[in-house]
PDB file of N, CA and C in Angstrom:
ATOM      1  N   MET A   1       0.849  -1.206  -0.047  1.00  0.00           N
ATOM      2  CA  MET A   1      -0.003  -0.008   0.012  1.00  0.00           C
ATOM      3  C   MET A   1       0.889   1.210   0.046  1.00  0.00           C
ATOM      4  N   SER A   2       0.518   2.203  -0.819  1.00  0.00           N
ATOM      5  CA  SER A   2       1.328   3.374  -0.849  1.00  0.00           C
ATOM      6  C   SER A   2       0.983   4.240   0.310  1.00  0.00           C
ATOM      7  N   ALA A   3       1.838   5.176   0.683  1.00  0.00           N
ATOM      8  CA  ALA A   3       1.662   6.091   1.790  1.00  0.00           C
ATOM      9  C   ALA A   3       0.503   6.968   1.546  1.00  0.00           C
ATOM     10  N   PRO A   4      -0.264   7.326   2.574  1.00  0.00           N
ATOM     11  CA  PRO A   4      -1.387   8.204   2.390  1.00  0.00           C
ATOM     12  C   PRO A   4      -0.916   9.620   2.063  1.00  0.00           C
ATOM     13  N   PRO A   5      -1.769  10.448   1.401  1.00  0.00           N
ATOM     14  CA  PRO A   5      -1.311  11.768   1.133  1.00  0.00           C
ATOM     15  C   PRO A   5      -1.149  12.577   2.445  1.00  0.00           C
ATOM     16  N   SER A   6      -0.560  13.750   2.343  1.00  0.00           N
ATOM     17  CA  SER A   6      -0.421  14.623   3.495  1.00  0.00           C
ATOM     18  C   SER A   6      -1.725  15.030   4.019  1.00  0.00           C
ATOM     19  N   PRO A   7      -1.862  15.262   5.374  1.00  0.00           N
ATOM     20  CA  PRO A   7      -3.149  15.580   5.966  1.00  0.00           C
ATOM     21  C   PRO A   7      -3.776  16.819   5.232  1.00  0.00           C
ATOM     22  N   GLY A   8      -5.060  16.765   5.035  1.00  0.00           N
ATOM     23  CA  GLY A   8      -5.747  17.805   4.437  1.00  0.00           C
ATOM     24  C   GLY A   8      -5.929  17.713   2.947  1.00  0.00           C
ATOM     25  N   LEU A   9      -5.218  16.702   2.330  1.00  0.00           N
ATOM     26  CA  LEU A   9      -5.395  16.520   0.902  1.00  0.00           C
ATOM     27  C   LEU A   9      -6.427  15.584   0.581  1.00  0.00           C
ATOM     28  N   ILE A  10      -7.146  15.840  -0.560  1.00  0.00           N
ATOM     29  CA  ILE A  10      -8.146  14.915  -1.092  1.00  0.00           C
ATOM     30  C   ILE A  10      -7.390  13.623  -1.542  1.00  0.00           C
ATOM     31  N   GLY A  11      -8.024  12.483  -1.247  1.00  0.00           N
ATOM     32  CA  GLY A  11      -7.436  11.223  -1.739  1.00  0.00           C
ATOM     33  C   GLY A  11      -7.668  10.122  -0.680  1.00  0.00           C
ATOM     34  N   GLU A  12      -6.756   9.151  -0.664  1.00  0.00           N
ATOM     35  CA  GLU A  12      -6.892   7.976   0.279  1.00  0.00           C
ATOM     36  C   GLU A  12      -6.244   8.334   1.584  1.00  0.00           C
ATOM     37  N   HIS A  13      -6.903   7.853   2.631  1.00  0.00           N
ATOM     38  CA  HIS A  13      -6.361   8.076   3.988  1.00  0.00           C
ATOM     39  C   HIS A  13      -6.396   6.711   4.766  1.00  0.00           C
ATOM     40  N   CYS A  14      -5.240   6.342   5.361  1.00  0.00           N
ATOM     41  CA  CYS A  14      -5.169   5.180   6.112  1.00  0.00           C
ATOM     42  C   CYS A  14      -5.618   5.603   7.544  1.00  0.00           C
ATOM     43  N   LEU A  15      -6.703   4.859   8.065  1.00  0.00           N
ATOM     44  CA  LEU A  15      -7.213   5.325   9.362  1.00  0.00           C
ATOM     45  C   LEU A  15      -6.657   4.467  10.477  1.00  0.00           C
ATOM     46  N   GLY A  16      -5.889   3.374  10.171  1.00  0.00           N
ATOM     47  CA  GLY A  16      -5.279   2.536  11.232  1.00  0.00           C
ATOM     48  C   GLY A  16      -5.899   1.100  11.067  1.00  0.00           C
ATOM     49  N   PRO A  17      -5.590   0.313  12.158  1.00  0.00           N
ATOM     50  CA  PRO A  17      -5.973  -1.120  12.195  1.00  0.00           C
ATOM     51  C   PRO A  17      -7.492  -1.280  12.096  1.00  0.00           C
ATOM     52  N   VAL A  18      -7.935  -2.264  11.349  1.00  0.00           N
ATOM     53  CA  VAL A  18      -9.350  -2.555  11.301  1.00  0.00           C
ATOM     54  C   VAL A  18      -9.901  -2.927  12.624  1.00  0.00           C
ATOM     55  N   ALA A  19      -9.112  -3.436  13.507  1.00  0.00           N
ATOM     56  CA  ALA A  19      -9.550  -3.929  14.882  1.00  0.00           C
ATOM     57  C   ALA A  19     -10.138  -2.764  15.692  1.00  0.00           C
ATOM     58  N   GLN A  20      -9.862  -1.527  15.232  1.00  0.00           N
ATOM     59  CA  GLN A  20     -10.292  -0.318  15.974  1.00  0.00           C
ATOM     60  C   GLN A  20     -11.829  -0.231  15.925  1.00  0.00           C
ATOM     61  N   VAL A  21     -12.471  -0.907  14.896  1.00  0.00           N
ATOM     62  CA  VAL A  21     -13.832  -0.862  14.724  1.00  0.00           C
ATOM     63  C   VAL A  21     -14.360  -2.309  15.060  1.00  0.00           C
ATOM     64  N   PRO A  22     -14.958  -2.625  16.098  1.00  0.00           N
ATOM     65  CA  PRO A  22     -15.410  -3.936  16.466  1.00  0.00           C
ATOM     66  C   PRO A  22     -16.514  -4.369  15.425  1.00  0.00           C
ATOM     67  N   LEU A  23     -16.597  -5.646  15.232  1.00  0.00           N
ATOM     68  CA  LEU A  23     -17.630  -6.203  14.315  1.00  0.00           C
ATOM     69  C   LEU A  23     -18.963  -5.751  14.804  1.00  0.00           C
ATOM     70  N   GLY A  24     -19.858  -5.361  13.900  1.00  0.00           N
ATOM     71  CA  GLY A  24     -21.141  -4.936  14.199  1.00  0.00           C
ATOM     72  C   GLY A  24     -21.257  -3.604  14.778  1.00  0.00           C
ATOM     73  N   GLU A  25     -20.205  -2.736  14.632  1.00  0.00           N
ATOM     74  CA  GLU A  25     -20.264  -1.425  15.206  1.00  0.00           C
ATOM     75  C   GLU A  25     -19.697  -0.398  14.173  1.00  0.00           C
ATOM     76  N   GLY A  26     -19.774   0.849  14.684  1.00  0.00           N
ATOM     77  CA  GLY A  26     -19.224   1.912  13.878  1.00  0.00           C
ATOM     78  C   GLY A  26     -18.335   2.753  14.738  1.00  0.00           C
ATOM     79  N   ARG A  27     -17.446   3.569  14.149  1.00  0.00           N
ATOM     80  CA  ARG A  27     -16.587   4.530  14.894  1.00  0.00           C
ATOM     81  C   ARG A  27     -16.460   5.719  14.067  1.00  0.00           C
ATOM     82  N   LEU A  28     -16.182   6.838  14.724  1.00  0.00           N
ATOM     83  CA  LEU A  28     -15.891   8.171  14.135  1.00  0.00           C
ATOM     84  C   LEU A  28     -14.480   8.355  14.041  1.00  0.00           C
ATOM     85  N   PHE A  29     -14.000   8.851  12.858  1.00  0.00           N
ATOM     86  CA  PHE A  29     -12.551   9.080  12.659  1.00  0.00           C
ATOM     87  C   PHE A  29     -12.495  10.608  12.181  1.00  0.00           C
ATOM     88  N   ASP A  30     -11.348  11.195  12.581  1.00  0.00           N
ATOM     89  CA  ASP A  30     -11.077  12.561  12.139  1.00  0.00           C
ATOM     90  C   ASP A  30      -9.778  12.591  11.374  1.00  0.00           C
ATOM     91  N   VAL A  31      -9.756  13.088  10.186  1.00  0.00           N
ATOM     92  CA  VAL A  31      -8.631  13.239   9.366  1.00  0.00           C
ATOM     93  C   VAL A  31      -8.357  14.731   9.063  1.00  0.00           C
ATOM     94  N   ASP A  32      -7.583  15.320   9.859  1.00  0.00           N
ATOM     95  CA  ASP A  32      -7.256  16.725   9.647  1.00  0.00           C
ATOM     96  C   ASP A  32      -8.500  17.615   9.502  1.00  0.00           C
ATOM     97  N   GLY A  33      -9.489  17.377  10.423  1.00  0.00           N
ATOM     98  CA  GLY A  33     -10.724  18.182  10.480  1.00  0.00           C
ATOM     99  C   GLY A  33     -11.817  17.529   9.571  1.00  0.00           C
ATOM    100  N   TRP A  34     -11.626  16.581   8.787  1.00  0.00           N
ATOM    101  CA  TRP A  34     -12.553  15.918   7.986  1.00  0.00           C
ATOM    102  C   TRP A  34     -13.076  14.644   8.783  1.00  0.00           C
ATOM    103  N   GLN A  35     -14.290  14.601   9.051  1.00  0.00           N
ATOM    104  CA  GLN A  35     -14.822  13.452   9.896  1.00  0.00           C
ATOM    105  C   GLN A  35     -15.563  12.514   9.022  1.00  0.00           C
ATOM    106  N   VAL A  36     -15.362  11.180   9.344  1.00  0.00           N
ATOM    107  CA  VAL A  36     -16.024  10.073   8.577  1.00  0.00           C
ATOM    108  C   VAL A  36     -16.463   9.027   9.550  1.00  0.00           C
ATOM    109  N   ALA A  37     -17.605   8.485   9.378  1.00  0.00           N
ATOM    110  CA  ALA A  37     -18.044   7.306  10.222  1.00  0.00           C
ATOM    111  C   ALA A  37     -17.754   6.033   9.505  1.00  0.00           C
ATOM    112  N   VAL A  38     -17.133   5.103  10.149  1.00  0.00           N
ATOM    113  CA  VAL A  38     -16.725   3.824   9.502  1.00  0.00           C
ATOM    114  C   VAL A  38     -17.392   2.751  10.295  1.00  0.00           C
ATOM    115  N   PHE A  39     -17.987   1.809   9.473  1.00  0.00           N
ATOM    116  CA  PHE A  39     -18.770   0.705  10.015  1.00  0.00           C
ATOM    117  C   PHE A  39     -18.166  -0.610   9.589  1.00  0.00           C
ATOM    118  N   ARG A  40     -18.291  -1.636  10.492  1.00  0.00           N
ATOM    119  CA  ARG A  40     -17.735  -3.025  10.152  1.00  0.00           C
ATOM    120  C   ARG A  40     -18.866  -4.003  10.380  1.00  0.00           C
ATOM    121  N   PRO A  41     -19.619  -4.266   9.371  1.00  0.00           N
ATOM    122  CA  PRO A  41     -20.792  -5.202   9.485  1.00  0.00           C
ATOM    123  C   PRO A  41     -20.220  -6.663   9.841  1.00  0.00           C
ATOM    124  N   ARG A  42     -21.062  -7.356  10.523  1.00  0.00           N
ATOM    125  CA  ARG A  42     -20.651  -8.746  10.829  1.00  0.00           C
ATOM    126  C   ARG A  42     -20.477  -9.602   9.615  1.00  0.00           C
ATOM    127  N   GLY A  43     -21.109  -9.205   8.529  1.00  0.00           N
ATOM    128  CA  GLY A  43     -20.923  -9.973   7.279  1.00  0.00           C
ATOM    129  C   GLY A  43     -19.586  -9.801   6.588  1.00  0.00           C
ATOM    130  N   GLY A  44     -18.866  -8.747   7.055  1.00  0.00           N
ATOM    131  CA  GLY A  44     -17.496  -8.506   6.502  1.00  0.00           C
ATOM    132  C   GLY A  44     -17.456  -7.180   5.861  1.00  0.00           C
ATOM    133  N   GLY A  45     -16.133  -6.742   5.567  1.00  0.00           N
ATOM    134  CA  GLY A  45     -15.951  -5.474   4.850  1.00  0.00           C
ATOM    135  C   GLY A  45     -16.094  -4.256   5.778  1.00  0.00           C
ATOM    136  N   VAL A  46     -15.877  -3.151   5.272  1.00  0.00           N
ATOM    137  CA  VAL A  46     -16.040  -1.860   5.922  1.00  0.00           C
ATOM    138  C   VAL A  46     -16.800  -0.902   5.033  1.00  0.00           C
ATOM    139  N   HIS A  47     -17.505  -0.002   5.629  1.00  0.00           N
ATOM    140  CA  HIS A  47     -18.306   1.038   4.893  1.00  0.00           C
ATOM    141  C   HIS A  47     -18.058   2.350   5.559  1.00  0.00           C
ATOM    142  N   ALA A  48     -18.051   3.456   4.796  1.00  0.00           N
ATOM    143  CA  ALA A  48     -17.776   4.746   5.339  1.00  0.00           C
ATOM    144  C   ALA A  48     -18.832   5.682   4.817  1.00  0.00           C
ATOM    145  N   ILE A  49     -19.364   6.567   5.676  1.00  0.00           N
ATOM    146  CA  ILE A  49     -20.309   7.602   5.306  1.00  0.00           C
ATOM    147  C   ILE A  49     -20.028   8.826   6.122  1.00  0.00           C
ATOM    148  N   ASP A  50     -20.633   9.996   5.656  1.00  0.00           N
ATOM    149  CA  ASP A  50     -20.607  11.207   6.474  1.00  0.00           C
ATOM    150  C   ASP A  50     -21.221  10.902   7.816  1.00  0.00           C
ATOM    151  N   PRO A  51     -20.631  11.434   8.888  1.00  0.00           N
ATOM    152  CA  PRO A  51     -21.052  10.943  10.194  1.00  0.00           C
ATOM    153  C   PRO A  51     -22.355  11.683  10.831  1.00  0.00           C
ATOM    154  N   VAL A  52     -22.912  12.603  10.061  1.00  0.00           N
ATOM    155  CA  VAL A  52     -24.025  13.374  10.677  1.00  0.00           C
ATOM    156  C   VAL A  52     -25.310  13.073   9.895  1.00  0.00           C
ATOM    157  N   CYS A  53     -26.307  12.714  10.673  1.00  0.00           N
ATOM    158  CA  CYS A  53     -27.705  12.427  10.042  1.00  0.00           C
ATOM    159  C   CYS A  53     -28.216  13.683   9.522  1.00  0.00           C
ATOM    160  N   PRO A  54     -28.704  13.679   8.285  1.00  0.00           N
ATOM    161  CA  PRO A  54     -29.257  14.916   7.656  1.00  0.00           C
ATOM    162  C   PRO A  54     -30.510  15.386   8.280  1.00  0.00           C
ATOM    163  N   HIS A  55     -31.217  14.513   9.121  1.00  0.00           N
ATOM    164  CA  HIS A  55     -32.428  14.941   9.736  1.00  0.00           C
ATOM    165  C   HIS A  55     -32.290  16.010  10.753  1.00  0.00           C
ATOM    166  N   ARG A  56     -31.512  15.584  11.896  1.00  0.00           N
ATOM    167  CA  ARG A  56     -31.312  16.532  12.986  1.00  0.00           C
ATOM    168  C   ARG A  56     -29.900  16.517  13.575  1.00  0.00           C
ATOM    169  N   GLY A  57     -28.958  16.019  12.738  1.00  0.00           N
ATOM    170  CA  GLY A  57     -27.612  16.046  13.129  1.00  0.00           C
ATOM    171  C   GLY A  57     -27.130  14.953  14.100  1.00  0.00           C
ATOM    172  N   GLY A  58     -27.872  13.848  14.036  1.00  0.00           N
ATOM    173  CA  GLY A  58     -27.501  12.773  14.981  1.00  0.00           C
ATOM    174  C   GLY A  58     -26.161  12.144  14.583  1.00  0.00           C
ATOM    175  N   PRO A  59     -25.498  11.573  15.583  1.00  0.00           N
ATOM    176  CA  PRO A  59     -24.193  10.960  15.446  1.00  0.00           C
ATOM    177  C   PRO A  59     -24.263   9.485  14.834  1.00  0.00           C
ATOM    178  N   LEU A  60     -24.192   9.378  13.541  1.00  0.00           N
ATOM    179  CA  LEU A  60     -24.399   8.166  12.893  1.00  0.00           C
ATOM    180  C   LEU A  60     -23.439   7.036  13.326  1.00  0.00           C
ATOM    181  N   ALA A  61     -22.209   7.424  13.645  1.00  0.00           N
ATOM    182  CA  ALA A  61     -21.258   6.400  14.079  1.00  0.00           C
ATOM    183  C   ALA A  61     -21.670   5.726  15.324  1.00  0.00           C
ATOM    184  N   GLU A  62     -22.603   6.303  16.103  1.00  0.00           N
ATOM    185  CA  GLU A  62     -23.103   5.732  17.347  1.00  0.00           C
ATOM    186  C   GLU A  62     -24.423   5.009  17.035  1.00  0.00           C
ATOM    187  N   GLY A  63     -24.813   4.952  15.866  1.00  0.00           N
ATOM    188  CA  GLY A  63     -26.059   4.251  15.536  1.00  0.00           C
ATOM    189  C   GLY A  63     -26.087   2.725  15.613  1.00  0.00           C
ATOM    190  N   LEU A  64     -27.200   2.148  15.667  1.00  0.00           N
ATOM    191  CA  LEU A  64     -27.436   0.701  15.677  1.00  0.00           C
ATOM    192  C   LEU A  64     -27.190   0.163  14.252  1.00  0.00           C
ATOM    193  N   LEU A  65     -26.274  -0.856  14.159  1.00  0.00           N
ATOM    194  CA  LEU A  65     -25.943  -1.498  12.907  1.00  0.00           C
ATOM    195  C   LEU A  65     -26.561  -2.813  12.760  1.00  0.00           C
ATOM    196  N   GLY A  66     -27.318  -3.045  11.682  1.00  0.00           N
ATOM    197  CA  GLY A  66     -27.984  -4.307  11.373  1.00  0.00           C
ATOM    198  C   GLY A  66     -27.646  -4.627   9.941  1.00  0.00           C
ATOM    199  N   GLY A  67     -26.763  -5.607   9.685  1.00  0.00           N
ATOM    200  CA  GLY A  67     -26.396  -5.924   8.314  1.00  0.00           C
ATOM    201  C   GLY A  67     -25.620  -4.719   7.813  1.00  0.00           C
ATOM    202  N   THR A  68     -26.184  -4.130   6.720  1.00  0.00           N
ATOM    203  CA  THR A  68     -25.499  -2.911   6.147  1.00  0.00           C
ATOM    204  C   THR A  68     -26.400  -1.734   6.294  1.00  0.00           C
ATOM    205  N   LEU A  69     -27.328  -1.714   7.287  1.00  0.00           N
ATOM    206  CA  LEU A  69     -28.188  -0.675   7.604  1.00  0.00           C
ATOM    207  C   LEU A  69     -27.791  -0.049   8.978  1.00  0.00           C
ATOM    208  N   VAL A  70     -27.731   1.288   9.050  1.00  0.00           N
ATOM    209  CA  VAL A  70     -27.430   1.915  10.288  1.00  0.00           C
ATOM    210  C   VAL A  70     -28.634   2.853  10.604  1.00  0.00           C
ATOM    211  N   VAL A  71     -28.982   2.804  11.925  1.00  0.00           N
ATOM    212  CA  VAL A  71     -30.170   3.485  12.442  1.00  0.00           C
ATOM    213  C   VAL A  71     -29.570   4.650  13.268  1.00  0.00           C
ATOM    214  N   CYS A  72     -29.960   5.914  12.976  1.00  0.00           N
ATOM    215  CA  CYS A  72     -29.654   7.080  13.697  1.00  0.00           C
ATOM    216  C   CYS A  72     -30.106   6.934  15.184  1.00  0.00           C
ATOM    217  N   PRO A  73     -29.189   7.116  16.148  1.00  0.00           N
ATOM    218  CA  PRO A  73     -29.662   6.991  17.524  1.00  0.00           C
ATOM    219  C   PRO A  73     -30.626   8.111  17.998  1.00  0.00           C
ATOM    220  N   LEU A  74     -30.724   9.182  17.385  1.00  0.00           N
ATOM    221  CA  LEU A  74     -31.648  10.226  17.830  1.00  0.00           C
ATOM    222  C   LEU A  74     -33.114  10.033  17.463  1.00  0.00           C
ATOM    223  N   HIS A  75     -33.314   9.796  16.184  1.00  0.00           N
ATOM    224  CA  HIS A  75     -34.790   9.829  15.742  1.00  0.00           C
ATOM    225  C   HIS A  75     -35.062   8.623  14.819  1.00  0.00           C
ATOM    226  N   GLY A  76     -34.152   7.599  14.760  1.00  0.00           N
ATOM    227  CA  GLY A  76     -34.493   6.361  14.026  1.00  0.00           C
ATOM    228  C   GLY A  76     -34.398   6.410  12.534  1.00  0.00           C
ATOM    229  N   TRP A  77     -33.919   7.498  11.892  1.00  0.00           N
ATOM    230  CA  TRP A  77     -33.792   7.479  10.498  1.00  0.00           C
ATOM    231  C   TRP A  77     -32.728   6.383  10.168  1.00  0.00           C
ATOM    232  N   THR A  78     -32.975   5.640   9.077  1.00  0.00           N
ATOM    233  CA  THR A  78     -32.128   4.476   8.664  1.00  0.00           C
ATOM    234  C   THR A  78     -31.592   4.704   7.355  1.00  0.00           C
ATOM    235  N   PHE A  79     -30.294   4.289   7.204  1.00  0.00           N
ATOM    236  CA  PHE A  79     -29.506   4.537   5.952  1.00  0.00           C
ATOM    237  C   PHE A  79     -28.826   3.199   5.528  1.00  0.00           C
ATOM    238  N   ASP A  80     -28.808   2.966   4.279  1.00  0.00           N
ATOM    239  CA  ASP A  80     -28.053   1.823   3.655  1.00  0.00           C
ATOM    240  C   ASP A  80     -26.654   2.247   3.473  1.00  0.00           C
ATOM    241  N   LEU A  81     -25.736   1.495   4.082  1.00  0.00           N
ATOM    242  CA  LEU A  81     -24.287   1.829   4.026  1.00  0.00           C
ATOM    243  C   LEU A  81     -23.756   1.539   2.609  1.00  0.00           C
ATOM    244  N   VAL A  82     -24.370   0.639   1.792  1.00  0.00           N
ATOM    245  CA  VAL A  82     -23.853   0.284   0.516  1.00  0.00           C
ATOM    246  C   VAL A  82     -24.172   1.399  -0.440  1.00  0.00           C
ATOM    247  N   SER A  83     -25.321   1.990  -0.396  1.00  0.00           N
ATOM    248  CA  SER A  83     -25.745   3.016  -1.361  1.00  0.00           C
ATOM    249  C   SER A  83     -25.709   4.486  -0.739  1.00  0.00           C
ATOM    250  N   GLY A  84     -25.861   4.567   0.550  1.00  0.00           N
ATOM    251  CA  GLY A  84     -26.014   5.852   1.184  1.00  0.00           C
ATOM    252  C   GLY A  84     -27.486   6.308   1.269  1.00  0.00           C
ATOM    253  N   CYS A  85     -28.325   5.595   0.542  1.00  0.00           N
ATOM    254  CA  CYS A  85     -29.784   6.013   0.507  1.00  0.00           C
ATOM    255  C   CYS A  85     -30.498   5.853   1.799  1.00  0.00           C
ATOM    256  N   GLY A  86     -31.304   6.714   2.025  1.00  0.00           N
ATOM    257  CA  GLY A  86     -32.227   6.694   3.256  1.00  0.00           C
ATOM    258  C   GLY A  86     -33.283   5.671   2.966  1.00  0.00           C
ATOM    259  N   VAL A  87     -33.629   4.885   4.008  1.00  0.00           N
ATOM    260  CA  VAL A  87     -34.595   3.848   3.882  1.00  0.00           C
ATOM    261  C   VAL A  87     -36.019   4.489   4.133  1.00  0.00           C
ATOM    262  N   GLY A  88     -36.974   4.238   3.323  1.00  0.00           N
ATOM    263  CA  GLY A  88     -38.305   4.848   3.513  1.00  0.00           C
ATOM    264  C   GLY A  88     -38.455   6.231   2.988  1.00  0.00           C
ATOM    265  N   GLY A  89     -37.543   6.656   1.995  1.00  0.00           N
ATOM    266  CA  GLY A  89     -37.756   7.927   1.449  1.00  0.00           C
ATOM    267  C   GLY A  89     -37.077   9.028   2.178  1.00  0.00           C
ATOM    268  N   THR A  90     -36.186   8.734   3.177  1.00  0.00           N
ATOM    269  CA  THR A  90     -35.490   9.879   3.866  1.00  0.00           C
ATOM    270  C   THR A  90     -34.269  10.297   3.016  1.00  0.00           C
ATOM    271  N   GLU A  91     -33.743  11.371   3.371  1.00  0.00           N
ATOM    272  CA  GLU A  91     -32.575  11.883   2.613  1.00  0.00           C
ATOM    273  C   GLU A  91     -31.412  10.901   2.661  1.00  0.00           C
ATOM    274  N   ALA A  92     -30.518  10.972   1.677  1.00  0.00           N
ATOM    275  CA  ALA A  92     -29.349  10.102   1.652  1.00  0.00           C
ATOM    276  C   ALA A  92     -28.198  10.757   2.456  1.00  0.00           C
ATOM    277  N   VAL A  93     -27.140   9.959   2.734  1.00  0.00           N
ATOM    278  CA  VAL A  93     -26.000  10.459   3.278  1.00  0.00           C
ATOM    279  C   VAL A  93     -24.885  10.103   2.244  1.00  0.00           C
ATOM    280  N   VAL A  94     -23.771  10.905   2.338  1.00  0.00           N
ATOM    281  CA  VAL A  94     -22.658  10.684   1.392  1.00  0.00           C
ATOM    282  C   VAL A  94     -21.846   9.523   1.860  1.00  0.00           C
ATOM    283  N   ARG A  95     -21.620   8.617   0.842  1.00  0.00           N
ATOM    284  CA  ARG A  95     -20.809   7.450   1.019  1.00  0.00           C
ATOM    285  C   ARG A  95     -19.406   7.789   0.598  1.00  0.00           C
ATOM    286  N   HIS A  96     -18.376   7.159   1.170  1.00  0.00           N
ATOM    287  CA  HIS A  96     -16.989   7.279   0.833  1.00  0.00           C
ATOM    288  C   HIS A  96     -16.399   5.896   0.570  1.00  0.00           C
ATOM    289  N   PRO A  97     -15.671   5.658  -0.541  1.00  0.00           N
ATOM    290  CA  PRO A  97     -15.044   4.348  -0.746  1.00  0.00           C
ATOM    291  C   PRO A  97     -14.206   4.012   0.354  1.00  0.00           C
ATOM    292  N   ALA A  98     -14.378   2.762   0.799  1.00  0.00           N
ATOM    293  CA  ALA A  98     -13.596   2.252   1.939  1.00  0.00           C
ATOM    294  C   ALA A  98     -13.191   0.791   1.691  1.00  0.00           C
ATOM    295  N   ARG A  99     -12.051   0.391   2.234  1.00  0.00           N
ATOM    296  CA  ARG A  99     -11.648  -1.034   2.074  1.00  0.00           C
ATOM    297  C   ARG A  99     -10.584  -1.282   3.267  1.00  0.00           C
ATOM    298  N   VAL A 100     -10.364  -2.583   3.394  1.00  0.00           N
ATOM    299  CA  VAL A 100      -9.344  -3.057   4.327  1.00  0.00           C
ATOM    300  C   VAL A 100      -8.182  -3.578   3.478  1.00  0.00           C
ATOM    301  N   GLU A 101      -6.997  -3.076   3.702  1.00  0.00           N
ATOM    302  CA  GLU A 101      -5.742  -3.454   2.961  1.00  0.00           C
ATOM    303  C   GLU A 101      -4.664  -3.689   4.042  1.00  0.00           C
ATOM    304  N   ASP A 102      -4.089  -4.868   3.987  1.00  0.00           N
ATOM    305  CA  ASP A 102      -3.056  -5.206   5.038  1.00  0.00           C
ATOM    306  C   ASP A 102      -3.579  -4.900   6.457  1.00  0.00           C
ATOM    307  N   ASP A 103      -4.801  -5.213   6.782  1.00  0.00           N
ATOM    308  CA  ASP A 103      -5.415  -5.002   8.087  1.00  0.00           C
ATOM    309  C   ASP A 103      -5.532  -3.551   8.457  1.00  0.00           C
ATOM    310  N   GLN A 104      -5.459  -2.673   7.554  1.00  0.00           N
ATOM    311  CA  GLN A 104      -5.679  -1.242   7.709  1.00  0.00           C
ATOM    312  C   GLN A 104      -6.943  -0.741   7.039  1.00  0.00           C
ATOM    313  N   ILE A 105      -7.558   0.133   7.633  1.00  0.00           N
ATOM    314  CA  ILE A 105      -8.777   0.740   7.049  1.00  0.00           C
ATOM    315  C   ILE A 105      -8.292   1.943   6.123  1.00  0.00           C
ATOM    316  N   VAL A 106      -8.711   1.887   4.901  1.00  0.00           N
ATOM    317  CA  VAL A 106      -8.364   2.900   3.855  1.00  0.00           C
ATOM    318  C   VAL A 106      -9.665   3.526   3.421  1.00  0.00           C
ATOM    319  N   VAL A 107      -9.721   4.883   3.597  1.00  0.00           N
ATOM    320  CA  VAL A 107     -11.001   5.567   3.087  1.00  0.00           C
ATOM    321  C   VAL A 107     -10.587   6.648   2.084  1.00  0.00           C
ATOM    322  N   SER A 108     -11.427   6.756   1.061  1.00  0.00           N
ATOM    323  CA  SER A 108     -11.185   7.785   0.051  1.00  0.00           C
ATOM    324  C   SER A 108     -12.061   8.929   0.300  1.00  0.00           C
ATOM    325  N   ARG A 109     -11.449  10.162   0.264  1.00  0.00           N
ATOM    326  CA  ARG A 109     -12.277  11.407   0.429  1.00  0.00           C
ATOM    327  C   ARG A 109     -12.402  12.014  -1.002  1.00  0.00           C
ATOM    328  N   PRO A 110     -13.545  11.887  -1.600  1.00  0.00           N
ATOM    329  CA  PRO A 110     -13.690  12.454  -2.977  1.00  0.00           C
ATOM    330  C   PRO A 110     -13.685  13.998  -2.932  1.00  0.00           C
ATOM    331  N   PRO A 111     -13.310  14.529  -4.081  1.00  0.00           N
ATOM    332  CA  PRO A 111     -13.301  16.036  -4.207  1.00  0.00           C
ATOM    333  C   PRO A 111     -14.741  16.599  -3.901  1.00  0.00           C
ATOM    334  N   THR A 112     -14.804  17.772  -3.303  1.00  0.00           N
ATOM    335  CA  THR A 112     -16.148  18.349  -3.029  1.00  0.00           C
ATOM    336  C   THR A 112     -16.541  19.244  -4.180  1.00  0.00           C
TER     337      THR A 112
END
C-alpha cells in the first residue's frame, strides 16, 4: 500500500488497524478536520459515510448497525451503507469508498 497523502489533501487516507472498529459497530474518525463514520458489519468489509444524520444532526457512528443498515440514535432514520440511500424515502448520506488493505482501514475522500 502506498503512503497516504499529506493531511488535508483529497485522496486516500489510512485510518489505522481494522480492529479499531469492532464487528457490528461503527466508529468516528477525524482526518485533519474531515470526519467520517466507519462501520464494520458482521458480514464482512467496511463502509464509510458522512457521520451526521441529515435529519437533525444525529451521530451516525453511534447508531445501531444491522447488516448494512445503520439507524440514527436520535430519531431512528435508517440508511443503507452500501448506497447511502435513506430507507423509507429519507434523505441520503454521502458514502466514501472504503476498504481493508493489510489489516488497515483505507478511506477515500472524494473532491467536493
